[in-house]
Structure formats: C-alpha cells, structure tokens
C-alpha cells in the first residue's frame, strides 16, 4: 500500500495541470506499480502453500524503502514544475 500510494502521489503531481490527466496518470503509474503487485501476489501464494515467503517480502520491503525515500523528492520536483 505504501509503494502504491507513493507512486500515485508522483503520478498525481506530474498530471496536476492537465485536462485529461486521469488517462495519463494510469499510463504513468501502472507500469511502475506492476512489480509491487506481482511480488505481493507471489508472497501471498507462497504463504498459502506453506512455503517461505521471505524473498518476495524482502523485495517489497526494499521497494518500499526506495519509494518512501525518493517519492517526496520526485513529488516536490513535479509540483515545482507544474507551478511554473
């Protein structure tokens, strides 16, 4: 959820001043959100079947750290650009 929220914030900041921004927003965010959705689904599938789900969860944790670290900077830069 954290990864998807951060990516959504970046996408919303990039499409802030556009008329048809919702279409562009989905085209920008969906490819970036796919790895998080794939690894999340894989972790759930592994947990259901009794396998160790540590690998996908560690990848999700690293993606969360990356997005929480860089998303505010990218969002602020996109808002600055759209304000000009």
PDB file of N, CA and C in Angstrom:
ATOM      1  N   UNK A   1       0.824  -1.182   0.000  1.00  0.00           N
ATOM      2  CA  UNK A   1       0.000   0.000   0.000  1.00  0.00           C
ATOM      3  C   UNK A   1       0.868   1.245   0.000  1.00  0.00           C
ATOM      4  N   UNK A   2       1.938   1.218   0.744  1.00  0.00           N
ATOM      5  CA  UNK A   2       2.834   2.373   0.785  1.00  0.00           C
ATOM      6  C   UNK A   2       3.480   2.650  -0.557  1.00  0.00           C
ATOM      7  N   UNK A   3       3.876   1.597  -1.239  1.00  0.00           N
ATOM      8  CA  UNK A   3       4.505   1.752  -2.554  1.00  0.00           C
ATOM      9  C   UNK A   3       3.507   2.341  -3.541  1.00  0.00           C
ATOM     10  N   UNK A   4       2.305   1.812  -3.559  1.00  0.00           N
ATOM     11  CA  UNK A   4       1.295   2.284  -4.495  1.00  0.00           C
ATOM     12  C   UNK A   4       0.874   3.720  -4.188  1.00  0.00           C
ATOM     13  N   UNK A   5       0.802   4.079  -2.918  1.00  0.00           N
ATOM     14  CA  UNK A   5       0.454   5.449  -2.550  1.00  0.00           C
ATOM     15  C   UNK A   5       1.527   6.431  -2.977  1.00  0.00           C
ATOM     16  N   UNK A   6       2.789   6.070  -2.786  1.00  0.00           N
ATOM     17  CA  UNK A   6       3.882   6.953  -3.190  1.00  0.00           C
ATOM     18  C   UNK A   6       3.934   7.114  -4.701  1.00  0.00           C
ATOM     19  N   UNK A   7       3.732   6.033  -5.429  1.00  0.00           N
ATOM     20  CA  UNK A   7       3.714   6.128  -6.889  1.00  0.00           C
ATOM     21  C   UNK A   7       2.519   6.945  -7.371  1.00  0.00           C
ATOM     22  N   UNK A   8       1.396   6.807  -6.706  1.00  0.00           N
ATOM     23  CA  UNK A   8       0.224   7.605  -7.052  1.00  0.00           C
ATOM     24  C   UNK A   8       0.442   9.089  -6.802  1.00  0.00           C
ATOM     25  N   UNK A   9       1.156   9.413  -5.728  1.00  0.00           N
ATOM     26  CA  UNK A   9       1.453  10.816  -5.441  1.00  0.00           C
ATOM     27  C   UNK A   9       2.355  11.416  -6.515  1.00  0.00           C
ATOM     28  N   UNK A  10       3.334  10.661  -6.953  1.00  0.00           N
ATOM     29  CA  UNK A  10       4.216  11.139  -8.018  1.00  0.00           C
ATOM     30  C   UNK A  10       3.414  11.342  -9.303  1.00  0.00           C
ATOM     31  N   UNK A  11       2.596  10.374  -9.654  1.00  0.00           N
ATOM     32  CA  UNK A  11       1.789  10.482 -10.866  1.00  0.00           C
ATOM     33  C   UNK A  11       0.803  11.635 -10.802  1.00  0.00           C
ATOM     34  N   UNK A  12       0.180  11.841  -9.648  1.00  0.00           N
ATOM     35  CA  UNK A  12      -0.772  12.943  -9.500  1.00  0.00           C
ATOM     36  C   UNK A  12      -0.073  14.285  -9.616  1.00  0.00           C
ATOM     37  N   UNK A  13       1.130  14.383  -9.071  1.00  0.00           N
ATOM     38  CA  UNK A  13       1.877  15.635  -9.176  1.00  0.00           C
ATOM     39  C   UNK A  13       2.300  15.905 -10.617  1.00  0.00           C
ATOM     40  N   UNK A  14       2.616  14.859 -11.357  1.00  0.00           N
ATOM     41  CA  UNK A  14       3.014  15.042 -12.756  1.00  0.00           C
ATOM     42  C   UNK A  14       1.843  15.455 -13.646  1.00  0.00           C
ATOM     43  N   UNK A  15       0.657  15.003 -13.340  1.00  0.00           N
ATOM     44  CA  UNK A  15      -0.507  15.287 -14.187  1.00  0.00           C
ATOM     45  C   UNK A  15      -1.415  16.342 -13.581  1.00  0.00           C
ATOM     46  N   UNK A  16      -0.899  17.165 -12.719  1.00  0.00           N
ATOM     47  CA  UNK A  16      -1.711  18.116 -11.965  1.00  0.00           C
ATOM     48  C   UNK A  16      -2.422  19.122 -12.858  1.00  0.00           C
ATOM     49  N   UNK A  17      -1.740  19.742 -13.784  1.00  0.00           N
ATOM     50  CA  UNK A  17      -2.342  20.801 -14.574  1.00  0.00           C
ATOM     51  C   UNK A  17      -2.946  20.360 -15.886  1.00  0.00           C
ATOM     52  N   UNK A  18      -3.057  19.083 -16.126  1.00  0.00           N
ATOM     53  CA  UNK A  18      -3.549  18.596 -17.415  1.00  0.00           C
ATOM     54  C   UNK A  18      -5.054  18.368 -17.381  1.00  0.00           C
ATOM     55  N   UNK A  19      -5.690  18.555 -18.534  1.00  0.00           N
ATOM     56  CA  UNK A  19      -7.128  18.340 -18.630  1.00  0.00           C
ATOM     57  C   UNK A  19      -7.499  16.871 -18.546  1.00  0.00           C
ATOM     58  N   UNK A  20      -6.882  16.074 -19.349  1.00  0.00           N
ATOM     59  CA  UNK A  20      -7.150  14.629 -19.364  1.00  0.00           C
ATOM     60  C   UNK A  20      -6.056  13.896 -18.599  1.00  0.00           C
ATOM     61  N   UNK A  21      -5.789  14.352 -17.387  1.00  0.00           N
ATOM     62  CA  UNK A  21      -4.713  13.788 -16.602  1.00  0.00           C
ATOM     63  C   UNK A  21      -4.965  12.397 -16.084  1.00  0.00           C
ATOM     64  N   UNK A  22      -6.232  12.017 -15.942  1.00  0.00           N
ATOM     65  CA  UNK A  22      -6.526  10.697 -15.381  1.00  0.00           C
ATOM     66  C   UNK A  22      -6.065   9.577 -16.314  1.00  0.00           C
ATOM     67  N   UNK A  23      -6.201   9.782 -17.610  1.00  0.00           N
ATOM     68  CA  UNK A  23      -5.740   8.771 -18.574  1.00  0.00           C
ATOM     69  C   UNK A  23      -4.217   8.664 -18.531  1.00  0.00           C
ATOM     70  N   UNK A  24      -3.559   9.790 -18.512  1.00  0.00           N
ATOM     71  CA  UNK A  24      -2.097   9.802 -18.457  1.00  0.00           C
ATOM     72  C   UNK A  24      -1.593   9.258 -17.121  1.00  0.00           C
ATOM     73  N   UNK A  25      -2.320   9.551 -16.057  1.00  0.00           N
ATOM     74  CA  UNK A  25      -1.937   9.058 -14.738  1.00  0.00           C
ATOM     75  C   UNK A  25      -1.900   7.541 -14.707  1.00  0.00           C
ATOM     76  N   UNK A  26      -2.903   6.907 -15.276  1.00  0.00           N
ATOM     77  CA  UNK A  26      -2.908   5.441 -15.283  1.00  0.00           C
ATOM     78  C   UNK A  26      -1.784   4.885 -16.153  1.00  0.00           C
ATOM     79  N   UNK A  27      -1.478   5.550 -17.246  1.00  0.00           N
ATOM     80  CA  UNK A  27      -0.376   5.086 -18.103  1.00  0.00           C
ATOM     81  C   UNK A  27       0.989   5.273 -17.448  1.00  0.00           C
ATOM     82  N   UNK A  28       1.112   6.272 -16.588  1.00  0.00           N
ATOM     83  CA  UNK A  28       2.381   6.501 -15.896  1.00  0.00           C
ATOM     84  C   UNK A  28       2.576   5.573 -14.706  1.00  0.00           C
ATOM     85  N   UNK A  29       1.535   5.376 -13.929  1.00  0.00           N
ATOM     86  CA  UNK A  29       1.668   4.666 -12.657  1.00  0.00           C
ATOM     87  C   UNK A  29       1.583   3.149 -12.810  1.00  0.00           C
ATOM     88  N   UNK A  30       0.761   2.676 -13.719  1.00  0.00           N
ATOM     89  CA  UNK A  30       0.550   1.229 -13.838  1.00  0.00           C
ATOM     90  C   UNK A  30       1.826   0.434 -14.111  1.00  0.00           C
ATOM     91  N   UNK A  31       2.686   0.832 -15.043  1.00  0.00           N
ATOM     92  CA  UNK A  31       3.918   0.049 -15.230  1.00  0.00           C
ATOM     93  C   UNK A  31       4.841   0.075 -14.018  1.00  0.00           C
ATOM     94  N   UNK A  32       4.819   1.167 -13.269  1.00  0.00           N
ATOM     95  CA  UNK A  32       5.663   1.236 -12.080  1.00  0.00           C
ATOM     96  C   UNK A  32       5.096   0.429 -10.917  1.00  0.00           C
ATOM     97  N   UNK A  33       3.788   0.243 -10.895  1.00  0.00           N
ATOM     98  CA  UNK A  33       3.147  -0.488  -9.809  1.00  0.00           C
ATOM     99  C   UNK A  33       3.146  -1.992 -10.026  1.00  0.00           C
ATOM    100  N   UNK A  34       3.351  -2.447 -11.231  1.00  0.00           N
ATOM    101  CA  UNK A  34       3.282  -3.880 -11.534  1.00  0.00           C
ATOM    102  C   UNK A  34       4.248  -4.736 -10.712  1.00  0.00           C
ATOM    103  N   UNK A  35       5.523  -4.354 -10.548  1.00  0.00           N
ATOM    104  CA  UNK A  35       6.396  -5.211  -9.729  1.00  0.00           C
ATOM    105  C   UNK A  35       5.897  -5.381  -8.297  1.00  0.00           C
ATOM    106  N   UNK A  36       5.372  -4.321  -7.707  1.00  0.00           N
ATOM    107  CA  UNK A  36       4.854  -4.437  -6.339  1.00  0.00           C
ATOM    108  C   UNK A  36       3.668  -5.390  -6.287  1.00  0.00           C
ATOM    109  N   UNK A  37       2.796  -5.305  -7.267  1.00  0.00           N
ATOM    110  CA  UNK A  37       1.639  -6.197  -7.293  1.00  0.00           C
ATOM    111  C   UNK A  37       2.054  -7.646  -7.541  1.00  0.00           C
ATOM    112  N   UNK A  38       3.024  -7.853  -8.405  1.00  0.00           N
ATOM    113  CA  UNK A  38       3.486  -9.211  -8.701  1.00  0.00           C
ATOM    114  C   UNK A  38       4.156  -9.842  -7.490  1.00  0.00           C
ATOM    115  N   UNK A  39       5.054  -9.100  -6.842  1.00  0.00           N
ATOM    116  CA  UNK A  39       5.739  -9.661  -5.675  1.00  0.00           C
ATOM    117  C   UNK A  39       4.785  -9.853  -4.506  1.00  0.00           C
ATOM    118  N   UNK A  40       3.799  -8.968  -4.360  1.00  0.00           N
ATOM    119  CA  UNK A  40       2.799  -9.143  -3.302  1.00  0.00           C
ATOM    120  C   UNK A  40       1.956 -10.383  -3.524  1.00  0.00           C
ATOM    121  N   UNK A  41       1.531 -10.591  -4.762  1.00  0.00           N
ATOM    122  CA  UNK A  41       0.742 -11.784  -5.074  1.00  0.00           C
ATOM    123  C   UNK A  41       1.567 -13.053  -4.889  1.00  0.00           C
ATOM    124  N   UNK A  42       2.841 -12.980  -5.259  1.00  0.00           N
ATOM    125  CA  UNK A  42       3.716 -14.160  -5.097  1.00  0.00           C
ATOM    126  C   UNK A  42       3.936 -14.482  -3.623  1.00  0.00           C
ATOM    127  N   UNK A  43       4.117 -13.462  -2.795  1.00  0.00           N
ATOM    128  CA  UNK A  43       4.301 -13.696  -1.360  1.00  0.00           C
ATOM    129  C   UNK A  43       3.060 -14.329  -0.751  1.00  0.00           C
ATOM    130  N   UNK A  44       1.889 -13.876  -1.150  1.00  0.00           N
ATOM    131  CA  UNK A  44       0.643 -14.455  -0.644  1.00  0.00           C
ATOM    132  C   UNK A  44       0.496 -15.900  -1.104  1.00  0.00           C
ATOM    133  N   UNK A  45       0.806 -16.159  -2.366  1.00  0.00           N
ATOM    134  CA  UNK A  45       0.704 -17.515  -2.900  1.00  0.00           C
ATOM    135  C   UNK A  45       1.662 -18.457  -2.178  1.00  0.00           C
ATOM    136  N   UNK A  46       2.872 -18.000  -1.929  1.00  0.00           N
ATOM    137  CA  UNK A  46       3.839 -18.841  -1.218  1.00  0.00           C
ATOM    138  C   UNK A  46       3.395 -19.099   0.212  1.00  0.00           C
ATOM    139  N   UNK A  47       2.834 -18.096   0.876  1.00  0.00           N
ATOM    140  CA  UNK A  47       2.367 -18.272   2.249  1.00  0.00           C
ATOM    141  C   UNK A  47       1.183 -19.235   2.308  1.00  0.00           C
ATOM    142  N   UNK A  48       0.299 -19.176   1.321  1.00  0.00           N
ATOM    143  CA  UNK A  48      -0.856 -20.088   1.293  1.00  0.00           C
ATOM    144  C   UNK A  48      -0.402 -21.531   1.148  1.00  0.00           C
ATOM    145  N   UNK A  49       0.620 -21.755   0.332  1.00  0.00           N
ATOM    146  CA  UNK A  49       1.108 -23.114   0.090  1.00  0.00           C
ATOM    147  C   UNK A  49       2.138 -23.574   1.114  1.00  0.00           C
ATOM    148  N   UNK A  50       2.364 -22.788   2.148  1.00  0.00           N
ATOM    149  CA  UNK A  50       3.256 -23.198   3.223  1.00  0.00           C
ATOM    150  C   UNK A  50       4.732 -23.042   2.929  1.00  0.00           C
ATOM    151  N   UNK A  51       5.078 -22.328   1.880  1.00  0.00           N
ATOM    152  CA  UNK A  51       6.484 -22.096   1.549  1.00  0.00           C
ATOM    153  C   UNK A  51       6.977 -20.837   2.257  1.00  0.00           C
ATOM    154  N   UNK A  52       8.275 -20.665   2.305  1.00  0.00           N
ATOM    155  CA  UNK A  52       8.854 -19.472   2.915  1.00  0.00           C
ATOM    156  C   UNK A  52       8.671 -18.287   1.964  1.00  0.00           C
ATOM    157  N   UNK A  53       7.987 -17.259   2.444  1.00  0.00           N
ATOM    158  CA  UNK A  53       7.678 -16.095   1.609  1.00  0.00           C
ATOM    159  C   UNK A  53       8.635 -14.946   1.877  1.00  0.00           C
ATOM    160  N   UNK A  54       9.796 -15.237   2.423  1.00  0.00           N
ATOM    161  CA  UNK A  54      10.744 -14.184   2.789  1.00  0.00           C
ATOM    162  C   UNK A  54      11.325 -13.430   1.608  1.00  0.00           C
ATOM    163  N   UNK A  55      11.577 -14.112   0.504  1.00  0.00           N
ATOM    164  CA  UNK A  55      12.176 -13.473  -0.660  1.00  0.00           C
ATOM    165  C   UNK A  55      11.327 -12.351  -1.244  1.00  0.00           C
ATOM    166  N   UNK A  56      10.081 -12.643  -1.616  1.00  0.00           N
ATOM    167  CA  UNK A  56       9.240 -11.569  -2.148  1.00  0.00           C
ATOM    168  C   UNK A  56       8.957 -10.465  -1.135  1.00  0.00           C
ATOM    169  N   UNK A  57       8.859 -10.831   0.142  1.00  0.00           N
ATOM    170  CA  UNK A  57       8.609  -9.807   1.157  1.00  0.00           C
ATOM    171  C   UNK A  57       9.812  -8.889   1.335  1.00  0.00           C
ATOM    172  N   UNK A  58      11.021  -9.446   1.232  1.00  0.00           N
ATOM    173  CA  UNK A  58      12.208  -8.602   1.310  1.00  0.00           C
ATOM    174  C   UNK A  58      12.316  -7.674   0.107  1.00  0.00           C
ATOM    175  N   UNK A  59      11.941  -8.171  -1.067  1.00  0.00           N
ATOM    176  CA  UNK A  59      11.926  -7.300  -2.247  1.00  0.00           C
ATOM    177  C   UNK A  59      10.887  -6.199  -2.100  1.00  0.00           C
ATOM    178  N   UNK A  60       9.726  -6.511  -1.556  1.00  0.00           N
ATOM    179  CA  UNK A  60       8.713  -5.489  -1.311  1.00  0.00           C
ATOM    180  C   UNK A  60       9.193  -4.464  -0.290  1.00  0.00           C
ATOM    181  N   UNK A  61       9.882  -4.934   0.741  1.00  0.00           N
ATOM    182  CA  UNK A  61      10.406  -4.014   1.747  1.00  0.00           C
ATOM    183  C   UNK A  61      11.454  -3.081   1.155  1.00  0.00           C
ATOM    184  N   UNK A  62      12.303  -3.616   0.291  1.00  0.00           N
ATOM    185  CA  UNK A  62      13.315  -2.756  -0.330  1.00  0.00           C
ATOM    186  C   UNK A  62      12.674  -1.751  -1.284  1.00  0.00           C
ATOM    187  N   UNK A  63      11.630  -2.159  -2.011  1.00  0.00           N
ATOM    188  CA  UNK A  63      10.918  -1.219  -2.880  1.00  0.00           C
ATOM    189  C   UNK A  63      10.213  -0.147  -2.058  1.00  0.00           C
ATOM    190  N   UNK A  64       9.690  -0.520  -0.895  1.00  0.00           N
ATOM    191  CA  UNK A  64       9.036   0.457  -0.028  1.00  0.00           C
ATOM    192  C   UNK A  64      10.041   1.482   0.489  1.00  0.00           C
ATOM    193  N   UNK A  65      11.206   1.022   0.906  1.00  0.00           N
ATOM    194  CA  UNK A  65      12.235   1.952   1.380  1.00  0.00           C
ATOM    195  C   UNK A  65      12.654   2.904   0.265  1.00  0.00           C
ATOM    196  N   UNK A  66      12.803   2.366  -0.933  1.00  0.00           N
ATOM    197  CA  UNK A  66      13.195   3.198  -2.077  1.00  0.00           C
ATOM    198  C   UNK A  66      12.128   4.239  -2.395  1.00  0.00           C
ATOM    199  N   UNK A  67      10.868   3.830  -2.430  1.00  0.00           N
ATOM    200  CA  UNK A  67       9.815   4.788  -2.771  1.00  0.00           C
ATOM    201  C   UNK A  67       9.569   5.800  -1.664  1.00  0.00           C
ATOM    202  N   UNK A  68       9.646   5.381  -0.419  1.00  0.00           N
ATOM    203  CA  UNK A  68       9.445   6.330   0.681  1.00  0.00           C
ATOM    204  C   UNK A  68      10.588   7.339   0.725  1.00  0.00           C
ATOM    205  N   UNK A  69      11.768   6.918   0.319  1.00  0.00           N
ATOM    206  CA  UNK A  69      12.908   7.826   0.308  1.00  0.00           C
ATOM    207  C   UNK A  69      12.852   8.799  -0.860  1.00  0.00           C
ATOM    208  N   UNK A  70      12.536   8.320  -2.052  1.00  0.00           N
ATOM    209  CA  UNK A  70      12.637   9.144  -3.251  1.00  0.00           C
ATOM    210  C   UNK A  70      11.329   9.791  -3.688  1.00  0.00           C
ATOM    211  N   UNK A  71      10.193   9.266  -3.286  1.00  0.00           N
ATOM    212  CA  UNK A  71       8.909   9.798  -3.740  1.00  0.00           C
ATOM    213  C   UNK A  71       8.661  11.239  -3.304  1.00  0.00           C
ATOM    214  N   UNK A  72       8.974  11.638  -2.071  1.00  0.00           N
ATOM    215  CA  UNK A  72       8.763  13.049  -1.727  1.00  0.00           C
ATOM    216  C   UNK A  72       9.604  14.003  -2.570  1.00  0.00           C
ATOM    217  N   UNK A  73      10.813  13.609  -2.887  1.00  0.00           N
ATOM    218  CA  UNK A  73      11.662  14.456  -3.724  1.00  0.00           C
ATOM    219  C   UNK A  73      11.096  14.565  -5.136  1.00  0.00           C
ATOM    220  N   UNK A  74      10.661  13.451  -5.701  1.00  0.00           N
ATOM    221  CA  UNK A  74      10.094  13.465  -7.046  1.00  0.00           C
ATOM    222  C   UNK A  74       8.770  14.217  -7.081  1.00  0.00           C
ATOM    223  N   UNK A  75       7.951  14.060  -6.051  1.00  0.00           N
ATOM    224  CA  UNK A  75       6.676  14.767  -5.996  1.00  0.00           C
ATOM    225  C   UNK A  75       6.884  16.269  -5.881  1.00  0.00           C
ATOM    226  N   UNK A  76       7.824  16.672  -5.022  1.00  0.00           N
ATOM    227  CA  UNK A  76       8.119  18.097  -4.866  1.00  0.00           C
ATOM    228  C   UNK A  76       8.653  18.697  -6.170  1.00  0.00           C
ATOM    229  N   UNK A  77       9.503  17.967  -6.858  1.00  0.00           N
ATOM    230  CA  UNK A  77      10.039  18.477  -8.130  1.00  0.00           C
ATOM    231  C   UNK A  77       8.929  18.597  -9.177  1.00  0.00           C
ATOM    232  N   UNK A  78       8.033  17.626  -9.220  1.00  0.00           N
ATOM    233  CA  UNK A  78       6.929  17.674 -10.185  1.00  0.00           C
ATOM    234  C   UNK A  78       5.973  18.815  -9.853  1.00  0.00           C
ATOM    235  N   UNK A  79       5.718  19.064  -8.571  1.00  0.00           N
ATOM    236  CA  UNK A  79       4.852  20.179  -8.193  1.00  0.00           C
ATOM    237  C   UNK A  79       5.488  21.518  -8.523  1.00  0.00           C
ATOM    238  N   UNK A  80       6.801  21.623  -8.324  1.00  0.00           N
ATOM    239  CA  UNK A  80       7.504  22.856  -8.702  1.00  0.00           C
ATOM    240  C   UNK A  80       7.401  23.119 -10.193  1.00  0.00           C
ATOM    241  N   UNK A  81       7.553  22.077 -10.976  1.00  0.00           N
ATOM    242  CA  UNK A  81       7.472  22.219 -12.439  1.00  0.00           C
ATOM    243  C   UNK A  81       6.072  22.611 -12.865  1.00  0.00           C
ATOM    244  N   UNK A  82       5.040  22.011 -12.265  1.00  0.00           N
ATOM    245  CA  UNK A  82       3.670  22.320 -12.661  1.00  0.00           C
ATOM    246  C   UNK A  82       3.233  23.696 -12.175  1.00  0.00           C
ATOM    247  N   UNK A  83       3.873  24.229 -11.130  1.00  0.00           N
ATOM    248  CA  UNK A  83       3.525  25.551 -10.623  1.00  0.00           C
ATOM    249  C   UNK A  83       4.080  26.658 -11.509  1.00  0.00           C
ATOM    250  N   UNK A  84       5.064  26.355 -12.302  1.00  0.00           N
ATOM    251  CA  UNK A  84       5.677  27.380 -13.161  1.00  0.00           C
ATOM    252  C   UNK A  84       4.886  27.678 -14.381  1.00  0.00           C
TER     253      UNK A  84
END
